[in-house]
Amino acid sequence: MDLTTLTYVHTGLSLIALGAGFPVAMGLLRTGATKFWTVAFLATTVLTSITGFLFPFSRFGDSHWVGLISLIVLAAAILAQYLFRYRGAWRWIYAVMALLAFYFNVFVLVAQLFKKVPALRAAAPTLQEPPFLIAQLVLLAIFAWLIWKAVRAFKPAM
């Protein structure tokens, strides 16, 4: 697969994963997302992480660490849902891991926006400047709250 095609596939999977993440997150605050959204989210997020490793690289960078951690988190979420069927602690493990996977997707989205949108790039060209760090801190706070709420509220349909 050439680099242009890989970029389109990876980006398309990322966008689908992001879109599917919202109904999954909202479902965790209630009785659970539909099977369609859950499968779409988990599958496209796994594929997004995997395709990220197909890009050429000379060193194992930050993006690789995010992808690797995301795959570990996704493995736990998939086990919690499909193998352990939310029994016992696996209920909250699923909620935490699914939302962590979604957080990683949104984290990378924000980083990509700061890299690609000229006004944001000017504000944080190295992604070490306060505008980027503040944006990521706000995102982290939102997801910490969301995870806390989901752990308390998620009651899977039996």
N, C-alpha and C. Protein backbone atom coordinates (compact mmCIF):
# COMPACT_ATOMS: atom_id res chain seq x y z
N MET A 1 0.86 -1.17 0.00
CA MET A 1 0.00 0.00 0.00
C MET A 1 0.91 1.24 0.00
N ASP A 2 0.62 2.17 -0.89
CA ASP A 2 1.45 3.37 -0.94
C ASP A 2 1.09 4.30 0.22
N LEU A 3 1.96 5.26 0.47
CA LEU A 3 1.82 6.15 1.63
C LEU A 3 0.55 7.00 1.58
N THR A 4 0.18 7.45 0.39
CA THR A 4 -1.03 8.26 0.25
C THR A 4 -2.27 7.45 0.61
N THR A 5 -2.35 6.24 0.09
CA THR A 5 -3.50 5.38 0.40
C THR A 5 -3.53 5.05 1.88
N LEU A 6 -2.37 4.73 2.45
CA LEU A 6 -2.30 4.43 3.88
C LEU A 6 -2.79 5.61 4.71
N THR A 7 -2.39 6.81 4.31
CA THR A 7 -2.82 8.02 5.03
C THR A 7 -4.33 8.18 4.98
N TYR A 8 -4.92 7.98 3.80
CA TYR A 8 -6.38 8.07 3.67
C TYR A 8 -7.09 7.01 4.49
N VAL A 9 -6.60 5.78 4.45
CA VAL A 9 -7.22 4.69 5.22
C VAL A 9 -7.11 4.97 6.72
N HIS A 10 -5.92 5.34 7.16
CA HIS A 10 -5.68 5.62 8.58
C HIS A 10 -6.56 6.79 9.06
N THR A 11 -6.61 7.85 8.27
CA THR A 11 -7.41 9.02 8.63
C THR A 11 -8.89 8.68 8.63
N GLY A 12 -9.35 7.94 7.63
CA GLY A 12 -10.76 7.54 7.57
C GLY A 12 -11.15 6.69 8.76
N LEU A 13 -10.31 5.72 9.11
CA LEU A 13 -10.58 4.88 10.28
C LEU A 13 -10.62 5.73 11.55
N SER A 14 -9.70 6.68 11.65
CA SER A 14 -9.65 7.57 12.82
C SER A 14 -10.94 8.37 12.96
N LEU A 15 -11.42 8.91 11.84
CA LEU A 15 -12.64 9.72 11.87
C LEU A 15 -13.86 8.88 12.23
N ILE A 16 -13.93 7.67 11.71
CA ILE A 16 -15.04 6.77 12.06
C ILE A 16 -14.96 6.43 13.55
N ALA A 17 -13.77 6.13 14.05
CA ALA A 17 -13.59 5.82 15.47
C ALA A 17 -14.01 6.99 16.34
N LEU A 18 -13.63 8.19 15.95
CA LEU A 18 -14.04 9.38 16.71
C LEU A 18 -15.55 9.54 16.70
N GLY A 19 -16.16 9.40 15.54
CA GLY A 19 -17.62 9.54 15.44
C GLY A 19 -18.34 8.48 16.25
N ALA A 20 -17.84 7.26 16.23
CA ALA A 20 -18.48 6.17 16.98
C ALA A 20 -18.22 6.29 18.47
N GLY A 21 -17.15 6.97 18.84
CA GLY A 21 -16.82 7.12 20.26
C GLY A 21 -17.85 7.92 21.03
N PHE A 22 -18.48 8.89 20.38
CA PHE A 22 -19.47 9.72 21.08
C PHE A 22 -20.68 8.92 21.55
N PRO A 23 -21.34 8.13 20.69
CA PRO A 23 -22.48 7.34 21.20
C PRO A 23 -22.05 6.28 22.21
N VAL A 24 -20.84 5.75 22.07
CA VAL A 24 -20.35 4.78 23.06
C VAL A 24 -20.18 5.48 24.41
N ALA A 25 -19.56 6.65 24.41
CA ALA A 25 -19.37 7.39 25.66
C ALA A 25 -20.70 7.75 26.30
N MET A 26 -21.63 8.22 25.51
CA MET A 26 -22.95 8.58 26.06
C MET A 26 -23.68 7.34 26.56
N GLY A 27 -23.51 6.23 25.87
CA GLY A 27 -24.13 4.99 26.31
C GLY A 27 -23.58 4.51 27.65
N LEU A 28 -22.32 4.80 27.92
CA LEU A 28 -21.73 4.40 29.19
C LEU A 28 -22.32 5.19 30.36
N LEU A 29 -22.92 6.30 30.06
CA LEU A 29 -23.57 7.09 31.12
C LEU A 29 -25.00 6.62 31.36
N ARG A 30 -25.46 5.70 30.52
CA ARG A 30 -26.82 5.17 30.65
C ARG A 30 -26.73 3.64 30.71
N THR A 31 -27.43 2.97 29.83
CA THR A 31 -27.46 1.50 29.86
C THR A 31 -26.48 0.87 28.89
N GLY A 32 -25.79 1.66 28.12
CA GLY A 32 -24.83 1.12 27.17
C GLY A 32 -25.15 1.53 25.76
N ALA A 33 -24.13 1.62 24.97
CA ALA A 33 -24.30 1.97 23.57
C ALA A 33 -24.85 0.77 22.81
N THR A 34 -25.40 1.03 21.65
CA THR A 34 -25.88 -0.08 20.82
C THR A 34 -24.70 -0.93 20.38
N LYS A 35 -25.00 -2.17 20.06
CA LYS A 35 -23.94 -3.07 19.59
C LYS A 35 -23.24 -2.51 18.36
N PHE A 36 -24.01 -1.88 17.47
CA PHE A 36 -23.43 -1.31 16.25
C PHE A 36 -22.33 -0.31 16.58
N TRP A 37 -22.65 0.68 17.44
CA TRP A 37 -21.67 1.72 17.77
C TRP A 37 -20.48 1.14 18.52
N THR A 38 -20.74 0.20 19.40
CA THR A 38 -19.65 -0.40 20.17
C THR A 38 -18.69 -1.15 19.26
N VAL A 39 -19.23 -1.98 18.38
CA VAL A 39 -18.38 -2.73 17.45
C VAL A 39 -17.64 -1.77 16.51
N ALA A 40 -18.36 -0.78 15.99
CA ALA A 40 -17.73 0.21 15.10
C ALA A 40 -16.59 0.92 15.81
N PHE A 41 -16.82 1.34 17.06
CA PHE A 41 -15.80 2.06 17.81
C PHE A 41 -14.59 1.17 18.09
N LEU A 42 -14.82 0.00 18.65
CA LEU A 42 -13.71 -0.88 19.01
C LEU A 42 -12.91 -1.32 17.78
N ALA A 43 -13.60 -1.72 16.72
CA ALA A 43 -12.91 -2.20 15.52
C ALA A 43 -12.10 -1.09 14.86
N THR A 44 -12.71 0.07 14.66
CA THR A 44 -11.99 1.14 13.97
C THR A 44 -10.88 1.74 14.82
N THR A 45 -11.04 1.72 16.13
CA THR A 45 -9.97 2.22 17.00
C THR A 45 -8.79 1.26 16.99
N VAL A 46 -9.06 -0.04 17.03
CA VAL A 46 -7.97 -1.02 16.91
C VAL A 46 -7.26 -0.85 15.56
N LEU A 47 -8.04 -0.76 14.49
CA LEU A 47 -7.43 -0.62 13.16
C LEU A 47 -6.67 0.69 13.00
N THR A 48 -7.15 1.75 13.63
CA THR A 48 -6.44 3.03 13.60
C THR A 48 -5.07 2.87 14.25
N SER A 49 -5.03 2.25 15.42
CA SER A 49 -3.76 2.05 16.11
C SER A 49 -2.82 1.17 15.30
N ILE A 50 -3.35 0.10 14.73
CA ILE A 50 -2.51 -0.81 13.94
C ILE A 50 -1.95 -0.11 12.70
N THR A 51 -2.81 0.60 11.98
CA THR A 51 -2.33 1.26 10.75
C THR A 51 -1.33 2.36 11.06
N GLY A 52 -1.37 2.93 12.25
CA GLY A 52 -0.38 3.93 12.63
C GLY A 52 1.03 3.37 12.64
N PHE A 53 1.17 2.09 12.92
CA PHE A 53 2.49 1.45 12.93
C PHE A 53 3.00 1.12 11.52
N LEU A 54 2.14 1.25 10.51
CA LEU A 54 2.55 0.94 9.14
C LEU A 54 3.27 2.10 8.45
N PHE A 55 3.20 3.29 9.05
CA PHE A 55 3.91 4.44 8.47
C PHE A 55 5.41 4.26 8.71
N PRO A 56 6.22 4.68 7.74
CA PRO A 56 7.68 4.54 7.94
C PRO A 56 8.15 5.40 9.12
N PHE A 57 9.09 4.85 9.89
CA PHE A 57 9.65 5.61 11.00
C PHE A 57 11.07 5.13 11.29
N SER A 58 11.89 6.03 11.84
CA SER A 58 13.28 5.68 12.14
C SER A 58 13.49 5.46 13.64
N ARG A 59 12.56 5.95 14.45
CA ARG A 59 12.64 5.72 15.89
C ARG A 59 11.23 5.54 16.44
N PHE A 60 11.15 4.89 17.58
CA PHE A 60 9.87 4.67 18.26
C PHE A 60 9.51 5.97 18.97
N GLY A 61 8.52 6.69 18.44
CA GLY A 61 8.19 8.01 18.95
C GLY A 61 6.97 8.04 19.84
N ASP A 62 6.57 9.25 20.21
CA ASP A 62 5.41 9.45 21.07
C ASP A 62 4.15 8.84 20.48
N SER A 63 3.97 9.01 19.16
CA SER A 63 2.77 8.46 18.52
C SER A 63 2.74 6.93 18.62
N HIS A 64 3.89 6.31 18.60
CA HIS A 64 3.94 4.85 18.74
C HIS A 64 3.56 4.42 20.15
N TRP A 65 4.01 5.19 21.13
CA TRP A 65 3.63 4.88 22.52
C TRP A 65 2.12 5.01 22.70
N VAL A 66 1.54 6.07 22.14
CA VAL A 66 0.09 6.25 22.24
C VAL A 66 -0.63 5.07 21.57
N GLY A 67 -0.15 4.67 20.40
CA GLY A 67 -0.75 3.53 19.70
C GLY A 67 -0.63 2.24 20.47
N LEU A 68 0.54 1.99 21.06
CA LEU A 68 0.76 0.77 21.83
C LEU A 68 -0.11 0.74 23.08
N ILE A 69 -0.13 1.84 23.81
CA ILE A 69 -0.97 1.91 25.01
C ILE A 69 -2.44 1.77 24.65
N SER A 70 -2.83 2.39 23.55
CA SER A 70 -4.21 2.28 23.09
C SER A 70 -4.58 0.83 22.79
N LEU A 71 -3.69 0.10 22.15
CA LEU A 71 -3.98 -1.31 21.85
C LEU A 71 -4.12 -2.14 23.13
N ILE A 72 -3.30 -1.85 24.14
CA ILE A 72 -3.41 -2.57 25.42
C ILE A 72 -4.74 -2.25 26.09
N VAL A 73 -5.10 -0.97 26.10
CA VAL A 73 -6.37 -0.53 26.68
C VAL A 73 -7.54 -1.17 25.94
N LEU A 74 -7.47 -1.19 24.62
CA LEU A 74 -8.53 -1.79 23.82
C LEU A 74 -8.64 -3.29 24.07
N ALA A 75 -7.52 -3.97 24.25
CA ALA A 75 -7.55 -5.40 24.55
C ALA A 75 -8.31 -5.64 25.86
N ALA A 76 -8.06 -4.82 26.86
CA ALA A 76 -8.78 -4.96 28.14
C ALA A 76 -10.27 -4.70 27.96
N ALA A 77 -10.62 -3.67 27.17
CA ALA A 77 -12.04 -3.36 26.94
C ALA A 77 -12.73 -4.51 26.20
N ILE A 78 -12.06 -5.05 25.21
CA ILE A 78 -12.64 -6.15 24.43
C ILE A 78 -12.81 -7.39 25.31
N LEU A 79 -11.81 -7.70 26.13
CA LEU A 79 -11.92 -8.83 27.05
C LEU A 79 -13.07 -8.62 28.04
N ALA A 80 -13.16 -7.41 28.59
CA ALA A 80 -14.22 -7.10 29.56
C ALA A 80 -15.60 -7.30 28.95
N GLN A 81 -15.75 -6.89 27.71
CA GLN A 81 -17.06 -6.99 27.08
C GLN A 81 -17.37 -8.39 26.57
N TYR A 82 -16.46 -8.93 25.77
CA TYR A 82 -16.80 -10.15 25.04
C TYR A 82 -16.44 -11.44 25.77
N LEU A 83 -15.40 -11.43 26.59
CA LEU A 83 -15.03 -12.65 27.31
C LEU A 83 -15.67 -12.69 28.70
N PHE A 84 -15.56 -11.59 29.43
CA PHE A 84 -16.05 -11.57 30.81
C PHE A 84 -17.46 -11.00 30.94
N ARG A 85 -18.00 -10.47 29.85
CA ARG A 85 -19.39 -10.00 29.80
C ARG A 85 -19.76 -9.07 30.95
N TYR A 86 -18.85 -8.16 31.28
CA TYR A 86 -19.06 -7.13 32.31
C TYR A 86 -19.27 -7.69 33.71
N ARG A 87 -18.93 -8.93 33.97
CA ARG A 87 -19.15 -9.52 35.30
C ARG A 87 -18.20 -8.89 36.32
N GLY A 88 -18.74 -8.59 37.48
CA GLY A 88 -17.93 -8.07 38.59
C GLY A 88 -17.18 -6.80 38.21
N ALA A 89 -15.89 -6.81 38.50
CA ALA A 89 -15.05 -5.63 38.24
C ALA A 89 -14.92 -5.34 36.74
N TRP A 90 -15.24 -6.30 35.91
CA TRP A 90 -15.11 -6.09 34.47
C TRP A 90 -16.08 -5.04 33.95
N ARG A 91 -17.13 -4.75 34.70
CA ARG A 91 -18.06 -3.68 34.31
C ARG A 91 -17.33 -2.34 34.31
N TRP A 92 -16.70 -2.01 35.43
CA TRP A 92 -16.01 -0.72 35.47
C TRP A 92 -14.73 -0.73 34.67
N ILE A 93 -14.08 -1.89 34.55
CA ILE A 93 -12.88 -1.98 33.71
C ILE A 93 -13.24 -1.64 32.26
N TYR A 94 -14.38 -2.19 31.79
CA TYR A 94 -14.81 -1.86 30.43
C TYR A 94 -15.05 -0.36 30.28
N ALA A 95 -15.78 0.23 31.22
CA ALA A 95 -16.10 1.65 31.13
C ALA A 95 -14.83 2.49 31.09
N VAL A 96 -13.89 2.20 31.97
CA VAL A 96 -12.63 2.96 32.01
C VAL A 96 -11.84 2.76 30.72
N MET A 97 -11.69 1.53 30.29
CA MET A 97 -10.84 1.24 29.13
C MET A 97 -11.46 1.78 27.83
N ALA A 98 -12.76 1.65 27.67
CA ALA A 98 -13.39 2.19 26.46
C ALA A 98 -13.22 3.70 26.39
N LEU A 99 -13.40 4.37 27.52
CA LEU A 99 -13.26 5.82 27.53
C LEU A 99 -11.80 6.25 27.42
N LEU A 100 -10.88 5.48 27.96
CA LEU A 100 -9.46 5.79 27.76
C LEU A 100 -9.09 5.68 26.27
N ALA A 101 -9.60 4.66 25.61
CA ALA A 101 -9.35 4.52 24.18
C ALA A 101 -9.91 5.72 23.41
N PHE A 102 -11.10 6.15 23.78
CA PHE A 102 -11.70 7.33 23.15
C PHE A 102 -10.87 8.57 23.45
N TYR A 103 -10.40 8.69 24.68
CA TYR A 103 -9.54 9.82 25.06
C TYR A 103 -8.30 9.86 24.18
N PHE A 104 -7.65 8.73 23.97
CA PHE A 104 -6.46 8.70 23.12
C PHE A 104 -6.78 9.17 21.71
N ASN A 105 -7.95 8.77 21.18
CA ASN A 105 -8.35 9.23 19.85
C ASN A 105 -8.49 10.75 19.81
N VAL A 106 -9.15 11.30 20.81
CA VAL A 106 -9.37 12.75 20.85
C VAL A 106 -8.06 13.48 21.13
N PHE A 107 -7.21 12.92 21.98
CA PHE A 107 -5.88 13.48 22.25
C PHE A 107 -5.10 13.65 20.94
N VAL A 108 -5.09 12.60 20.13
CA VAL A 108 -4.37 12.64 18.85
C VAL A 108 -5.05 13.63 17.90
N LEU A 109 -6.38 13.69 17.91
CA LEU A 109 -7.09 14.67 17.08
C LEU A 109 -6.64 16.09 17.42
N VAL A 110 -6.58 16.41 18.71
CA VAL A 110 -6.15 17.75 19.12
C VAL A 110 -4.71 18.01 18.68
N ALA A 111 -3.84 17.02 18.85
CA ALA A 111 -2.45 17.17 18.41
C ALA A 111 -2.38 17.40 16.90
N GLN A 112 -3.16 16.66 16.14
CA GLN A 112 -3.16 16.82 14.68
C GLN A 112 -3.71 18.20 14.28
N LEU A 113 -4.72 18.67 14.99
CA LEU A 113 -5.24 20.01 14.71
C LEU A 113 -4.18 21.07 14.95
N PHE A 114 -3.42 20.93 16.02
CA PHE A 114 -2.34 21.88 16.30
C PHE A 114 -1.21 21.76 15.28
N LYS A 115 -1.05 20.61 14.67
CA LYS A 115 -0.02 20.44 13.64
C LYS A 115 -0.47 20.95 12.28
N LYS A 116 -1.76 20.83 11.99
CA LYS A 116 -2.25 21.09 10.62
C LYS A 116 -2.97 22.41 10.42
N VAL A 117 -3.63 22.95 11.44
CA VAL A 117 -4.37 24.20 11.30
C VAL A 117 -3.41 25.36 11.52
N PRO A 118 -3.24 26.21 10.51
CA PRO A 118 -2.21 27.26 10.59
C PRO A 118 -2.27 28.12 11.85
N ALA A 119 -3.45 28.56 12.26
CA ALA A 119 -3.55 29.42 13.46
C ALA A 119 -3.11 28.66 14.71
N LEU A 120 -3.49 27.40 14.81
CA LEU A 120 -3.09 26.60 15.97
C LEU A 120 -1.60 26.27 15.92
N ARG A 121 -1.10 25.99 14.73
CA ARG A 121 0.34 25.71 14.57
C ARG A 121 1.16 26.92 14.98
N ALA A 122 0.70 28.11 14.63
CA ALA A 122 1.41 29.34 15.01
C ALA A 122 1.41 29.52 16.53
N ALA A 123 0.34 29.09 17.18
CA ALA A 123 0.23 29.24 18.63
C ALA A 123 1.08 28.23 19.38
N ALA A 124 1.34 27.07 18.77
CA ALA A 124 2.11 26.01 19.45
C ALA A 124 2.88 25.19 18.41
N PRO A 125 3.92 25.77 17.80
CA PRO A 125 4.61 25.07 16.71
C PRO A 125 5.34 23.79 17.13
N THR A 126 5.75 23.67 18.39
CA THR A 126 6.45 22.46 18.82
C THR A 126 5.59 21.56 19.70
N LEU A 127 4.35 21.94 19.90
CA LEU A 127 3.41 21.23 20.78
C LEU A 127 3.92 21.20 22.22
N GLN A 128 4.73 22.15 22.58
CA GLN A 128 5.22 22.28 23.96
C GLN A 128 4.76 23.60 24.58
N GLU A 129 4.09 24.43 23.80
CA GLU A 129 3.68 25.76 24.24
C GLU A 129 2.39 25.70 25.05
N PRO A 130 2.14 26.74 25.87
CA PRO A 130 0.95 26.75 26.72
C PRO A 130 -0.39 26.51 26.02
N PRO A 131 -0.67 27.05 24.82
CA PRO A 131 -1.99 26.78 24.22
C PRO A 131 -2.26 25.28 24.01
N PHE A 132 -1.26 24.56 23.56
CA PHE A 132 -1.43 23.12 23.35
C PHE A 132 -1.58 22.41 24.69
N LEU A 133 -0.72 22.75 25.63
CA LEU A 133 -0.76 22.10 26.93
C LEU A 133 -2.07 22.37 27.66
N ILE A 134 -2.58 23.59 27.55
CA ILE A 134 -3.86 23.93 28.17
C ILE A 134 -5.00 23.16 27.50
N ALA A 135 -4.97 23.09 26.18
CA ALA A 135 -6.02 22.33 25.47
C ALA A 135 -6.01 20.87 25.90
N GLN A 136 -4.84 20.28 26.02
CA GLN A 136 -4.76 18.88 26.42
C GLN A 136 -5.14 18.69 27.89
N LEU A 137 -4.83 19.67 28.73
CA LEU A 137 -5.21 19.59 30.14
C LEU A 137 -6.73 19.67 30.30
N VAL A 138 -7.36 20.55 29.54
CA VAL A 138 -8.83 20.65 29.57
C VAL A 138 -9.44 19.34 29.08
N LEU A 139 -8.90 18.79 28.01
CA LEU A 139 -9.38 17.51 27.48
C LEU A 139 -9.24 16.41 28.53
N LEU A 140 -8.10 16.35 29.20
CA LEU A 140 -7.88 15.36 30.24
C LEU A 140 -8.90 15.51 31.37
N ALA A 141 -9.17 16.74 31.78
CA ALA A 141 -10.14 16.99 32.84
C ALA A 141 -11.53 16.53 32.43
N ILE A 142 -11.91 16.81 31.20
CA ILE A 142 -13.23 16.39 30.70
C ILE A 142 -13.34 14.86 30.73
N PHE A 143 -12.31 14.18 30.26
CA PHE A 143 -12.36 12.72 30.22
C PHE A 143 -12.26 12.11 31.62
N ALA A 144 -11.52 12.73 32.52
CA ALA A 144 -11.46 12.23 33.90
C ALA A 144 -12.86 12.28 34.52
N TRP A 145 -13.56 13.40 34.30
CA TRP A 145 -14.92 13.52 34.80
C TRP A 145 -15.84 12.49 34.15
N LEU A 146 -15.72 12.35 32.83
CA LEU A 146 -16.56 11.41 32.09
C LEU A 146 -16.32 9.97 32.56
N ILE A 147 -15.07 9.61 32.77
CA ILE A 147 -14.75 8.26 33.26
C ILE A 147 -15.33 8.06 34.65
N TRP A 148 -15.19 9.03 35.52
CA TRP A 148 -15.75 8.93 36.87
C TRP A 148 -17.26 8.73 36.82
N LYS A 149 -17.94 9.53 35.98
CA LYS A 149 -19.40 9.40 35.85
C LYS A 149 -19.78 8.03 35.27
N ALA A 150 -19.04 7.58 34.27
CA ALA A 150 -19.37 6.31 33.61
C ALA A 150 -19.18 5.13 34.56
N VAL A 151 -18.12 5.15 35.35
CA VAL A 151 -17.89 4.05 36.30
C VAL A 151 -19.05 3.95 37.28
N ARG A 152 -19.59 5.07 37.69
CA ARG A 152 -20.70 5.10 38.63
C ARG A 152 -22.04 4.76 37.96
N ALA A 153 -22.20 5.14 36.69
CA ALA A 153 -23.51 5.04 36.05
C ALA A 153 -23.70 3.83 35.14
N PHE A 154 -22.64 3.30 34.56
CA PHE A 154 -22.77 2.27 33.54
C PHE A 154 -23.36 0.99 34.10
N LYS A 155 -24.51 0.68 33.58
CA LYS A 155 -25.19 -0.57 33.91
C LYS A 155 -25.53 -1.25 32.60
N PRO A 156 -24.71 -2.20 32.19
CA PRO A 156 -24.96 -2.85 30.90
C PRO A 156 -26.29 -3.57 30.87
N ALA A 157 -26.91 -3.54 29.71
CA ALA A 157 -28.17 -4.28 29.52
C ALA A 157 -27.86 -5.77 29.61
N MET A 158 -28.65 -6.49 30.36
CA MET A 158 -28.41 -7.93 30.54
C MET A 158 -29.36 -8.74 29.71
